[in-house]
Amino acid sequence: YGLVDMIGNVWEWTSTPYSPRHDVAVSRSLGLTDVSATSAGHCA
């Protein structure tokens, strides 16, 4: 899109309140639909 430093350099604030899963965080900010595949993930 012609954007620079979207990755690296500095972390960037967003207006979205943080919660440990997207299904919680997203519902607080925009109200998502079509939530699919869940995963526990891992921490590198």
PDB file of all heavy atoms in Angstrom:
ATOM      1  N   TYR A   1       0.815  -1.216   0.000  1.00  0.00           N
ATOM      2  CA  TYR A   1       0.000   0.000   0.000  1.00  0.00           C
ATOM      3  C   TYR A   1       0.852   1.271   0.000  1.00  0.00           C
ATOM      4  O   TYR A   1       0.304   2.377   0.023  1.00  0.00           O
ATOM      5  CB  TYR A   1      -0.925   0.028   1.226  1.00  0.00           C
ATOM      6  CG  TYR A   1      -2.077  -0.944   1.147  1.00  0.00           C
ATOM      7  CD1 TYR A   1      -2.379  -1.768   2.229  1.00  0.00           C
ATOM      8  CD2 TYR A   1      -2.880  -1.019   0.010  1.00  0.00           C
ATOM      9  CE1 TYR A   1      -3.451  -2.652   2.170  1.00  0.00           C
ATOM     10  CE2 TYR A   1      -3.945  -1.906  -0.053  1.00  0.00           C
ATOM     11  CZ  TYR A   1      -4.225  -2.723   1.029  1.00  0.00           C
ATOM     12  OH  TYR A   1      -5.283  -3.596   0.969  1.00  0.00           O
ATOM     13  N   GLY A   2       2.169   1.112   0.018  1.00  0.00           N
ATOM     14  CA  GLY A   2       3.036   2.281   0.072  1.00  0.00           C
ATOM     15  C   GLY A   2       3.300   2.783   1.479  1.00  0.00           C
ATOM     16  O   GLY A   2       3.818   3.886   1.664  1.00  0.00           O
ATOM     17  N   LEU A   3       2.966   1.980   2.484  1.00  0.00           N
ATOM     18  CA  LEU A   3       3.208   2.324   3.882  1.00  0.00           C
ATOM     19  C   LEU A   3       4.600   1.858   4.299  1.00  0.00           C
ATOM     20  O   LEU A   3       5.056   0.796   3.867  1.00  0.00           O
ATOM     21  CB  LEU A   3       2.168   1.659   4.774  1.00  0.00           C
ATOM     22  CG  LEU A   3       0.703   1.998   4.468  1.00  0.00           C
ATOM     23  CD1 LEU A   3      -0.221   1.029   5.200  1.00  0.00           C
ATOM     24  CD2 LEU A   3       0.386   3.438   4.856  1.00  0.00           C
ATOM     25  N   VAL A   4       5.262   2.629   5.150  1.00  0.00           N
ATOM     26  CA  VAL A   4       6.594   2.244   5.613  1.00  0.00           C
ATOM     27  C   VAL A   4       6.588   2.059   7.132  1.00  0.00           C
ATOM     28  O   VAL A   4       5.774   2.644   7.845  1.00  0.00           O
ATOM     29  CB  VAL A   4       7.668   3.287   5.225  1.00  0.00           C
ATOM     30  CG1 VAL A   4       7.803   3.374   3.710  1.00  0.00           C
ATOM     31  CG2 VAL A   4       7.367   4.665   5.808  1.00  0.00           C
ATOM     32  N   ASP A   5       7.498   1.193   7.590  1.00  0.00           N
ATOM     33  CA  ASP A   5       7.697   0.930   9.020  1.00  0.00           C
ATOM     34  C   ASP A   5       6.462   0.342   9.697  1.00  0.00           C
ATOM     35  O   ASP A   5       6.288   0.490  10.904  1.00  0.00           O
ATOM     36  CB  ASP A   5       8.135   2.193   9.760  1.00  0.00           C
ATOM     37  CG  ASP A   5       9.504   2.671   9.342  1.00  0.00           C
ATOM     38  OD1 ASP A   5      10.318   1.828   8.902  1.00  0.00           O
ATOM     39  OD2 ASP A   5       9.785   3.878   9.434  1.00  0.00           O
ATOM     40  N   MET A   6       5.614  -0.342   8.943  1.00  0.00           N
ATOM     41  CA  MET A   6       4.507  -1.038   9.579  1.00  0.00           C
ATOM     42  C   MET A   6       5.026  -2.214  10.405  1.00  0.00           C
ATOM     43  O   MET A   6       4.373  -2.635  11.364  1.00  0.00           O
ATOM     44  CB  MET A   6       3.497  -1.527   8.541  1.00  0.00           C
ATOM     45  CG  MET A   6       2.715  -0.425   7.836  1.00  0.00           C
ATOM     46  SD  MET A   6       1.664   0.542   8.943  1.00  0.00           S
ATOM     47  CE  MET A   6       0.300  -0.595   9.257  1.00  0.00           C
ATOM     48  N   ILE A   7       6.173  -2.734  10.018  1.00  0.00           N
ATOM     49  CA  ILE A   7       6.817  -3.803  10.771  1.00  0.00           C
ATOM     50  C   ILE A   7       8.170  -3.280  11.258  1.00  0.00           C
ATOM     51  O   ILE A   7       8.931  -2.679  10.504  1.00  0.00           O
ATOM     52  CB  ILE A   7       7.013  -5.058   9.902  1.00  0.00           C
ATOM     53  CG1 ILE A   7       5.661  -5.561   9.378  1.00  0.00           C
ATOM     54  CG2 ILE A   7       7.749  -6.154  10.681  1.00  0.00           C
ATOM     55  CD1 ILE A   7       4.664  -5.944  10.453  1.00  0.00           C
ATOM     56  N   GLY A   8       8.477  -3.503  12.533  1.00  0.00           N
ATOM     57  CA  GLY A   8       9.751  -3.073  13.078  1.00  0.00           C
ATOM     58  C   GLY A   8       9.803  -1.577  13.350  1.00  0.00           C
ATOM     59  O   GLY A   8       8.817  -0.856  13.232  1.00  0.00           O
ATOM     60  N   ASN A   9      10.965  -1.116  13.749  1.00  0.00           N
ATOM     61  CA  ASN A   9      11.262   0.263  14.150  1.00  0.00           C
ATOM     62  C   ASN A   9      10.616   0.565  15.492  1.00  0.00           C
ATOM     63  O   ASN A   9      11.304   0.582  16.511  1.00  0.00           O
ATOM     64  CB  ASN A   9      10.872   1.267  13.067  1.00  0.00           C
ATOM     65  CG  ASN A   9      11.795   2.472  13.059  1.00  0.00           C
ATOM     66  OD1 ASN A   9      12.728   2.566  13.860  1.00  0.00           O
ATOM     67  ND2 ASN A   9      11.563   3.411  12.153  1.00  0.00           N
ATOM     68  N   VAL A  10       9.303   0.844  15.545  1.00  0.00           N
ATOM     69  CA  VAL A  10       8.636   1.050  16.834  1.00  0.00           C
ATOM     70  C   VAL A  10       7.301   0.317  16.862  1.00  0.00           C
ATOM     71  O   VAL A  10       6.620   0.196  15.845  1.00  0.00           O
ATOM     72  CB  VAL A  10       8.393   2.548  17.132  1.00  0.00           C
ATOM     73  CG1 VAL A  10       9.712   3.274  17.362  1.00  0.00           C
ATOM     74  CG2 VAL A  10       7.584   3.230  16.035  1.00  0.00           C
ATOM     75  N   TRP A  11       6.950  -0.196  18.036  1.00  0.00           N
ATOM     76  CA  TRP A  11       5.582  -0.645  18.261  1.00  0.00           C
ATOM     77  C   TRP A  11       4.655   0.550  18.085  1.00  0.00           C
ATOM     78  O   TRP A  11       5.054   1.696  18.355  1.00  0.00           O
ATOM     79  CB  TRP A  11       5.412  -1.192  19.680  1.00  0.00           C
ATOM     80  CG  TRP A  11       5.938  -2.556  19.928  1.00  0.00           C
ATOM     81  CD1 TRP A  11       7.116  -2.897  20.533  1.00  0.00           C
ATOM     82  CD2 TRP A  11       5.287  -3.795  19.630  1.00  0.00           C
ATOM     83  NE1 TRP A  11       7.245  -4.250  20.619  1.00  0.00           N
ATOM     84  CE2 TRP A  11       6.142  -4.833  20.074  1.00  0.00           C
ATOM     85  CE3 TRP A  11       4.077  -4.126  19.025  1.00  0.00           C
ATOM     86  CZ2 TRP A  11       5.810  -6.176  19.933  1.00  0.00           C
ATOM     87  CZ3 TRP A  11       3.742  -5.474  18.884  1.00  0.00           C
ATOM     88  CH2 TRP A  11       4.605  -6.479  19.342  1.00  0.00           C
ATOM     89  N   GLU A  12       3.403   0.301  17.697  1.00  0.00           N
ATOM     90  CA  GLU A  12       2.466   1.391  17.479  1.00  0.00           C
ATOM     91  C   GLU A  12       1.165   1.159  18.243  1.00  0.00           C
ATOM     92  O   GLU A  12       0.606   0.061  18.228  1.00  0.00           O
ATOM     93  CB  GLU A  12       2.183   1.553  15.983  1.00  0.00           C
ATOM     94  CG  GLU A  12       3.442   1.910  15.196  1.00  0.00           C
ATOM     95  CD  GLU A  12       3.173   2.133  13.712  1.00  0.00           C
ATOM     96  OE1 GLU A  12       1.994   2.288  13.325  1.00  0.00           O
ATOM     97  OE2 GLU A  12       4.145   2.154  12.943  1.00  0.00           O
ATOM     98  N   TRP A  13       0.707   2.238  18.908  1.00  0.00           N
ATOM     99  CA  TRP A  13      -0.555   2.177  19.632  1.00  0.00           C
ATOM    100  C   TRP A  13      -1.728   2.002  18.658  1.00  0.00           C
ATOM    101  O   TRP A  13      -1.742   2.610  17.588  1.00  0.00           O
ATOM    102  CB  TRP A  13      -0.798   3.468  20.402  1.00  0.00           C
ATOM    103  CG  TRP A  13       0.070   3.704  21.589  1.00  0.00           C
ATOM    104  CD1 TRP A  13       1.090   4.617  21.704  1.00  0.00           C
ATOM    105  CD2 TRP A  13      -0.018   3.055  22.869  1.00  0.00           C
ATOM    106  NE1 TRP A  13       1.651   4.567  22.964  1.00  0.00           N
ATOM    107  CE2 TRP A  13       0.980   3.620  23.700  1.00  0.00           C
ATOM    108  CE3 TRP A  13      -0.847   2.054  23.380  1.00  0.00           C
ATOM    109  CZ2 TRP A  13       1.170   3.206  25.025  1.00  0.00           C
ATOM    110  CZ3 TRP A  13      -0.649   1.643  24.697  1.00  0.00           C
ATOM    111  CH2 TRP A  13       0.340   2.212  25.502  1.00  0.00           C
ATOM    112  N   THR A  14      -2.697   1.198  19.036  1.00  0.00           N
ATOM    113  CA  THR A  14      -3.998   1.177  18.373  1.00  0.00           C
ATOM    114  C   THR A  14      -5.053   1.545  19.408  1.00  0.00           C
ATOM    115  O   THR A  14      -4.804   1.529  20.616  1.00  0.00           O
ATOM    116  CB  THR A  14      -4.341  -0.187  17.756  1.00  0.00           C
ATOM    117  OG1 THR A  14      -4.668  -1.121  18.811  1.00  0.00           O
ATOM    118  CG2 THR A  14      -3.187  -0.726  16.913  1.00  0.00           C
ATOM    119  N   SER A  15      -6.239   1.863  18.939  1.00  0.00           N
ATOM    120  CA  SER A  15      -7.321   2.243  19.850  1.00  0.00           C
ATOM    121  C   SER A  15      -8.024   1.039  20.463  1.00  0.00           C
ATOM    122  O   SER A  15      -8.870   1.198  21.343  1.00  0.00           O
ATOM    123  CB  SER A  15      -8.345   3.111  19.117  1.00  0.00           C
ATOM    124  OG  SER A  15      -8.932   2.390  18.043  1.00  0.00           O
ATOM    125  N   THR A  16      -7.668  -0.160  20.045  1.00  0.00           N
ATOM    126  CA  THR A  16      -8.381  -1.365  20.483  1.00  0.00           C
ATOM    127  C   THR A  16      -7.929  -1.824  21.872  1.00  0.00           C
ATOM    128  O   THR A  16      -6.735  -2.069  22.084  1.00  0.00           O
ATOM    129  CB  THR A  16      -8.161  -2.512  19.477  1.00  0.00           C
ATOM    130  OG1 THR A  16      -8.655  -2.103  18.200  1.00  0.00           O
ATOM    131  CG2 THR A  16      -8.875  -3.778  19.927  1.00  0.00           C
ATOM    132  N   PRO A  17      -8.854  -1.952  22.831  1.00  0.00           N
ATOM    133  CA  PRO A  17      -8.493  -2.508  24.138  1.00  0.00           C
ATOM    134  C   PRO A  17      -7.943  -3.928  23.962  1.00  0.00           C
ATOM    135  O   PRO A  17      -8.434  -4.697  23.122  1.00  0.00           O
ATOM    136  CB  PRO A  17      -9.818  -2.526  24.907  1.00  0.00           C
ATOM    137  CG  PRO A  17     -10.659  -1.494  24.225  1.00  0.00           C
ATOM    138  CD  PRO A  17     -10.279  -1.567  22.768  1.00  0.00           C
ATOM    139  N   TYR A  18      -6.934  -4.262  24.755  1.00  0.00           N
ATOM    140  CA  TYR A  18      -6.310  -5.587  24.631  1.00  0.00           C
ATOM    141  C   TYR A  18      -7.068  -6.625  25.453  1.00  0.00           C
ATOM    142  O   TYR A  18      -7.490  -6.378  26.582  1.00  0.00           O
ATOM    143  CB  TYR A  18      -4.865  -5.543  25.116  1.00  0.00           C
ATOM    144  CG  TYR A  18      -4.209  -6.908  25.067  1.00  0.00           C
ATOM    145  CD1 TYR A  18      -3.631  -7.374  23.888  1.00  0.00           C
ATOM    146  CD2 TYR A  18      -4.190  -7.747  26.178  1.00  0.00           C
ATOM    147  CE1 TYR A  18      -3.059  -8.632  23.818  1.00  0.00           C
ATOM    148  CE2 TYR A  18      -3.616  -9.005  26.116  1.00  0.00           C
ATOM    149  CZ  TYR A  18      -3.053  -9.449  24.929  1.00  0.00           C
ATOM    150  OH  TYR A  18      -2.489 -10.692  24.861  1.00  0.00           O
ATOM    151  N   SER A  19      -7.240  -7.797  24.884  1.00  0.00           N
ATOM    152  CA  SER A  19      -7.656  -8.981  25.622  1.00  0.00           C
ATOM    153  C   SER A  19      -6.953 -10.174  24.992  1.00  0.00           C
ATOM    154  O   SER A  19      -6.495 -10.100  23.851  1.00  0.00           O
ATOM    155  CB  SER A  19      -9.173  -9.157  25.595  1.00  0.00           C
ATOM    156  OG  SER A  19      -9.628  -9.339  24.283  1.00  0.00           O
ATOM    157  N   PRO A  20      -6.809 -11.260  25.738  1.00  0.00           N
ATOM    158  CA  PRO A  20      -5.923 -12.332  25.292  1.00  0.00           C
ATOM    159  C   PRO A  20      -6.409 -13.191  24.140  1.00  0.00           C
ATOM    160  O   PRO A  20      -5.673 -14.052  23.681  1.00  0.00           O
ATOM    161  CB  PRO A  20      -5.723 -13.181  26.552  1.00  0.00           C
ATOM    162  CG  PRO A  20      -6.872 -12.865  27.430  1.00  0.00           C
ATOM    163  CD  PRO A  20      -7.258 -11.462  27.128  1.00  0.00           C
ATOM    164  N   ARG A  21      -7.628 -12.969  23.654  1.00  0.00           N
ATOM    165  CA  ARG A  21      -8.101 -13.693  22.483  1.00  0.00           C
ATOM    166  C   ARG A  21      -8.835 -12.724  21.572  1.00  0.00           C
ATOM    167  O   ARG A  21      -9.537 -11.824  22.029  1.00  0.00           O
ATOM    168  CB  ARG A  21      -9.050 -14.834  22.877  1.00  0.00           C
ATOM    169  CG  ARG A  21      -8.385 -15.917  23.713  1.00  0.00           C
ATOM    170  CD  ARG A  21      -7.413 -16.743  22.918  1.00  0.00           C
ATOM    171  NE  ARG A  21      -8.094 -17.626  21.973  1.00  0.00           N
ATOM    172  CZ  ARG A  21      -7.451 -18.332  21.050  1.00  0.00           C
ATOM    173  NH1 ARG A  21      -6.142 -18.236  20.922  1.00  0.00           N
ATOM    174  NH2 ARG A  21      -8.121 -19.128  20.238  1.00  0.00           N
ATOM    175  N   HIS A  22      -8.695 -12.912  20.256  1.00  0.00           N
ATOM    176  CA  HIS A  22      -9.365 -12.023  19.314  1.00  0.00           C
ATOM    177  C   HIS A  22     -10.874 -12.035  19.444  1.00  0.00           C
ATOM    178  O   HIS A  22     -11.523 -11.021  19.223  1.00  0.00           O
ATOM    179  CB  HIS A  22      -9.010 -12.428  17.874  1.00  0.00           C
ATOM    180  CG  HIS A  22      -7.759 -11.802  17.371  1.00  0.00           C
ATOM    181  ND1 HIS A  22      -7.494 -10.456  17.491  1.00  0.00           N
ATOM    182  CD2 HIS A  22      -6.688 -12.334  16.722  1.00  0.00           C
ATOM    183  CE1 HIS A  22      -6.322 -10.184  16.938  1.00  0.00           C
ATOM    184  NE2 HIS A  22      -5.811 -11.301  16.476  1.00  0.00           N
ATOM    185  N   ASP A  23     -11.445 -13.177  19.789  1.00  0.00           N
ATOM    186  CA  ASP A  23     -12.900 -13.226  19.847  1.00  0.00           C
ATOM    187  C   ASP A  23     -13.448 -12.316  20.936  1.00  0.00           C
ATOM    188  O   ASP A  23     -14.605 -11.908  20.887  1.00  0.00           O
ATOM    189  CB  ASP A  23     -13.405 -14.662  20.039  1.00  0.00           C
ATOM    190  CG  ASP A  23     -12.691 -15.402  21.149  1.00  0.00           C
ATOM    191  OD1 ASP A  23     -11.715 -14.871  21.696  1.00  0.00           O
ATOM    192  OD2 ASP A  23     -13.103 -16.525  21.466  1.00  0.00           O
ATOM    193  N   VAL A  24     -12.611 -11.958  21.918  1.00  0.00           N
ATOM    194  CA  VAL A  24     -13.013 -10.994  22.947  1.00  0.00           C
ATOM    195  C   VAL A  24     -12.638  -9.588  22.517  1.00  0.00           C
ATOM    196  O   VAL A  24     -13.449  -8.675  22.518  1.00  0.00           O
ATOM    197  CB  VAL A  24     -12.344 -11.330  24.298  1.00  0.00           C
ATOM    198  CG1 VAL A  24     -12.709 -10.274  25.332  1.00  0.00           C
ATOM    199  CG2 VAL A  24     -12.776 -12.707  24.756  1.00  0.00           C
ATOM    200  N   ALA A  25     -11.388  -9.400  22.116  1.00  0.00           N
ATOM    201  CA  ALA A  25     -10.914  -8.064  21.769  1.00  0.00           C
ATOM    202  C   ALA A  25     -11.702  -7.472  20.613  1.00  0.00           C
ATOM    203  O   ALA A  25     -12.091  -6.308  20.634  1.00  0.00           O
ATOM    204  CB  ALA A  25      -9.428  -8.124  21.410  1.00  0.00           C
ATOM    205  N   VAL A  26     -11.951  -8.277  19.598  1.00  0.00           N
ATOM    206  CA  VAL A  26     -12.616  -7.768  18.414  1.00  0.00           C
ATOM    207  C   VAL A  26     -14.061  -7.400  18.710  1.00  0.00           C
ATOM    208  O   VAL A  26     -14.567  -6.376  18.254  1.00  0.00           O
ATOM    209  CB  VAL A  26     -12.529  -8.800  17.276  1.00  0.00           C
ATOM    210  CG1 VAL A  26     -13.394  -8.386  16.106  1.00  0.00           C
ATOM    211  CG2 VAL A  26     -11.082  -8.945  16.818  1.00  0.00           C
ATOM    212  N   SER A  27     -14.733  -8.207  19.493  1.00  0.00           N
ATOM    213  CA  SER A  27     -16.127  -7.907  19.783  1.00  0.00           C
ATOM    214  C   SER A  27     -16.253  -6.591  20.530  1.00  0.00           C
ATOM    215  O   SER A  27     -17.260  -5.900  20.433  1.00  0.00           O
ATOM    216  CB  SER A  27     -16.742  -9.037  20.608  1.00  0.00           C
ATOM    217  OG  SER A  27     -16.150  -9.127  21.880  1.00  0.00           O
ATOM    218  N   ARG A  28     -15.225  -6.210  21.277  1.00  0.00           N
ATOM    219  CA  ARG A  28     -15.269  -4.951  22.001  1.00  0.00           C
ATOM    220  C   ARG A  28     -15.166  -3.764  21.059  1.00  0.00           C
ATOM    221  O   ARG A  28     -15.723  -2.706  21.310  1.00  0.00           O
ATOM    222  CB  ARG A  28     -14.104  -4.869  22.995  1.00  0.00           C
ATOM    223  CG  ARG A  28     -14.277  -5.729  24.231  1.00  0.00           C
ATOM    224  CD  ARG A  28     -13.065  -5.587  25.115  1.00  0.00           C
ATOM    225  NE  ARG A  28     -13.210  -6.355  26.340  1.00  0.00           N
ATOM    226  CZ  ARG A  28     -12.230  -6.533  27.212  1.00  0.00           C
ATOM    227  NH1 ARG A  28     -11.050  -6.001  26.968  1.00  0.00           N
ATOM    228  NH2 ARG A  28     -12.426  -7.236  28.293  1.00  0.00           N
ATOM    229  N   SER A  29     -14.402  -3.913  19.982  1.00  0.00           N
ATOM    230  CA  SER A  29     -14.117  -2.757  19.156  1.00  0.00           C
ATOM    231  C   SER A  29     -14.985  -2.634  17.913  1.00  0.00           C
ATOM    232  O   SER A  29     -15.518  -1.570  17.632  1.00  0.00           O
ATOM    233  CB  SER A  29     -12.637  -2.754  18.752  1.00  0.00           C
ATOM    234  OG  SER A  29     -12.301  -3.971  18.137  1.00  0.00           O
ATOM    235  N   LEU A  30     -15.126  -3.733  17.151  1.00  0.00           N
ATOM    236  CA  LEU A  30     -15.865  -3.629  15.899  1.00  0.00           C
ATOM    237  C   LEU A  30     -17.038  -4.592  15.766  1.00  0.00           C
ATOM    238  O   LEU A  30     -17.919  -4.375  14.948  1.00  0.00           O
ATOM    239  CB  LEU A  30     -14.916  -3.870  14.713  1.00  0.00           C
ATOM    240  CG  LEU A  30     -13.890  -2.768  14.433  1.00  0.00           C
ATOM    241  CD1 LEU A  30     -13.126  -3.098  13.177  1.00  0.00           C
ATOM    242  CD2 LEU A  30     -14.573  -1.423  14.268  1.00  0.00           C
ATOM    243  N   GLY A  31     -17.034  -5.685  16.519  1.00  0.00           N
ATOM    244  CA  GLY A  31     -18.105  -6.664  16.391  1.00  0.00           C
ATOM    245  C   GLY A  31     -17.945  -7.501  15.148  1.00  0.00           C
ATOM    246  O   GLY A  31     -18.605  -7.298  14.145  1.00  0.00           O
ATOM    247  N   LEU A  32     -17.052  -8.492  15.208  1.00  0.00           N
ATOM    248  CA  LEU A  32     -16.752  -9.283  14.018  1.00  0.00           C
ATOM    249  C   LEU A  32     -17.772 -10.382  13.775  1.00  0.00           C
ATOM    250  O   LEU A  32     -18.492 -10.797  14.672  1.00  0.00           O
ATOM    251  CB  LEU A  32     -15.370  -9.943  14.185  1.00  0.00           C
ATOM    252  CG  LEU A  32     -14.198  -8.973  14.200  1.00  0.00           C
ATOM    253  CD1 LEU A  32     -12.920  -9.746  14.323  1.00  0.00           C
ATOM    254  CD2 LEU A  32     -14.182  -8.146  12.939  1.00  0.00           C
ATOM    255  N   THR A  33     -17.778 -10.854  12.534  1.00  0.00           N
ATOM    256  CA  THR A  33     -18.594 -12.006  12.172  1.00  0.00           C
ATOM    257  C   THR A  33     -17.696 -13.072  11.565  1.00  0.00           C
ATOM    258  O   THR A  33     -16.516 -12.838  11.321  1.00  0.00           O
ATOM    259  CB  THR A  33     -19.661 -11.611  11.145  1.00  0.00           C
ATOM    260  OG1 THR A  33     -19.009 -11.065   9.988  1.00  0.00           O
ATOM    261  CG2 THR A  33     -20.591 -10.554  11.714  1.00  0.00           C
ATOM    262  N   ASP A  34     -18.244 -14.225  11.326  1.00  0.00           N
ATOM    263  CA  ASP A  34     -17.533 -15.320  10.652  1.00  0.00           C
ATOM    264  C   ASP A  34     -16.268 -15.762  11.375  1.00  0.00           C
ATOM    265  O   ASP A  34     -15.257 -16.049  10.749  1.00  0.00           O
ATOM    266  CB  ASP A  34     -17.162 -14.923   9.214  1.00  0.00           C
ATOM    267  CG  ASP A  34     -18.393 -14.668   8.379  1.00  0.00           C
ATOM    268  OD1 ASP A  34     -19.463 -15.228   8.679  1.00  0.00           O
ATOM    269  OD2 ASP A  34     -18.269 -13.892   7.435  1.00  0.00           O
ATOM    270  N   VAL A  35     -16.304 -15.800  12.701  1.00  0.00           N
ATOM    271  CA  VAL A  35     -15.139 -16.292  13.436  1.00  0.00           C
ATOM    272  C   VAL A  35     -14.956 -17.767  13.114  1.00  0.00           C
ATOM    273  O   VAL A  35     -15.881 -18.551  13.159  1.00  0.00           O
ATOM    274  CB  VAL A  35     -15.325 -16.095  14.946  1.00  0.00           C
ATOM    275  CG1 VAL A  35     -14.189 -16.728  15.709  1.00  0.00           C
ATOM    276  CG2 VAL A  35     -15.419 -14.608  15.269  1.00  0.00           C
ATOM    277  N   SER A  36     -13.712 -18.146  12.755  1.00  0.00           N
ATOM    278  CA  SER A  36     -13.427 -19.526  12.370  1.00  0.00           C
ATOM    279  C   SER A  36     -12.322 -20.109  13.224  1.00  0.00           C
ATOM    280  O   SER A  36     -12.105 -19.681  14.331  1.00  0.00           O
ATOM    281  CB  SER A  36     -13.068 -19.568  10.884  1.00  0.00           C
ATOM    282  OG  SER A  36     -11.944 -18.767  10.627  1.00  0.00           O
ATOM    283  N   ALA A  37     -11.585 -21.017  12.665  1.00  0.00           N
ATOM    284  CA  ALA A  37     -10.589 -21.848  13.336  1.00  0.00           C
ATOM    285  C   ALA A  37      -9.944 -21.286  14.594  1.00  0.00           C
ATOM    286  O   ALA A  37      -9.263 -20.286  14.560  1.00  0.00           O
ATOM    287  CB  ALA A  37      -9.490 -22.166  12.330  1.00  0.00           C
ATOM    288  N   THR A  38     -10.155 -21.965  15.717  1.00  0.00           N
ATOM    289  CA  THR A  38      -9.494 -21.579  16.950  1.00  0.00           C
ATOM    290  C   THR A  38      -8.227 -22.389  17.122  1.00  0.00           C
ATOM    291  O   THR A  38      -8.087 -23.482  16.601  1.00  0.00           O
ATOM    292  CB  THR A  38     -10.406 -21.834  18.170  1.00  0.00           C
ATOM    293  OG1 THR A  38     -10.695 -23.227  18.237  1.00  0.00           O
ATOM    294  CG2 THR A  38     -11.703 -21.054  18.064  1.00  0.00           C
ATOM    295  N   SER A  39      -7.284 -21.805  17.874  1.00  0.00           N
ATOM    296  CA  SER A  39      -6.017 -22.494  18.105  1.00  0.00           C
ATOM    297  C   SER A  39      -5.391 -21.992  19.377  1.00  0.00           C
ATOM    298  O   SER A  39      -5.464 -20.818  19.693  1.00  0.00           O
ATOM    299  CB  SER A  39      -5.049 -22.246  16.937  1.00  0.00           C
ATOM    300  OG  SER A  39      -3.755 -22.710  17.270  1.00  0.00           O
ATOM    301  N   ALA A  40      -4.765 -22.872  20.122  1.00  0.00           N
ATOM    302  CA  ALA A  40      -4.069 -22.449  21.336  1.00  0.00           C
ATOM    303  C   ALA A  40      -2.782 -21.722  21.000  1.00  0.00           C
ATOM    304  O   ALA A  40      -2.293 -20.909  21.760  1.00  0.00           O
ATOM    305  CB  ALA A  40      -3.763 -23.663  22.217  1.00  0.00           C
ATOM    306  N   GLY A  41      -2.208 -22.000  19.837  1.00  0.00           N
ATOM    307  CA  GLY A  41      -0.965 -21.343  19.449  1.00  0.00           C
ATOM    308  C   GLY A  41       0.180 -21.743  20.362  1.00  0.00           C
ATOM    309  O   GLY A  41       0.073 -22.627  21.184  1.00  0.00           O
ATOM    310  N   HIS A  42       1.289 -21.041  20.213  1.00  0.00           N
ATOM    311  CA  HIS A  42       2.404 -21.253  21.119  1.00  0.00           C
ATOM    312  C   HIS A  42       3.276 -20.016  21.120  1.00  0.00           C
ATOM    313  O   HIS A  42       3.122 -19.136  20.305  1.00  0.00           O
ATOM    314  CB  HIS A  42       3.222 -22.485  20.720  1.00  0.00           C
ATOM    315  CG  HIS A  42       3.971 -22.323  19.436  1.00  0.00           C
ATOM    316  ND1 HIS A  42       3.357 -22.440  18.202  1.00  0.00           N
ATOM    317  CD2 HIS A  42       5.269 -22.041  19.191  1.00  0.00           C
ATOM    318  CE1 HIS A  42       4.255 -22.263  17.247  1.00  0.00           C
ATOM    319  NE2 HIS A  42       5.414 -22.008  17.807  1.00  0.00           N
ATOM    320  N   CYS A  43       4.171 -19.925  22.077  1.00  0.00           N
ATOM    321  CA  CYS A  43       4.943 -18.702  22.275  1.00  0.00           C
ATOM    322  C   CYS A  43       6.365 -18.864  21.776  1.00  0.00           C
ATOM    323  O   CYS A  43       7.327 -18.840  22.547  1.00  0.00           O
ATOM    324  CB  CYS A  43       4.928 -18.317  23.737  1.00  0.00           C
ATOM    325  SG  CYS A  43       5.645 -16.708  24.063  1.00  0.00           S
ATOM    326  N   ALA A  44       6.508 -19.066  20.463  1.00  0.00           N
ATOM    327  CA  ALA A  44       7.835 -19.176  19.841  1.00  0.00           C
ATOM    328  C   ALA A  44       8.724 -20.113  20.644  1.00  0.00           C
ATOM    329  O   ALA A  44       8.313 -21.215  20.987  1.00  0.00           O
ATOM    330  CB  ALA A  44       8.449 -17.793  19.712  1.00  0.00           C
TER     331      ALA A  44
END
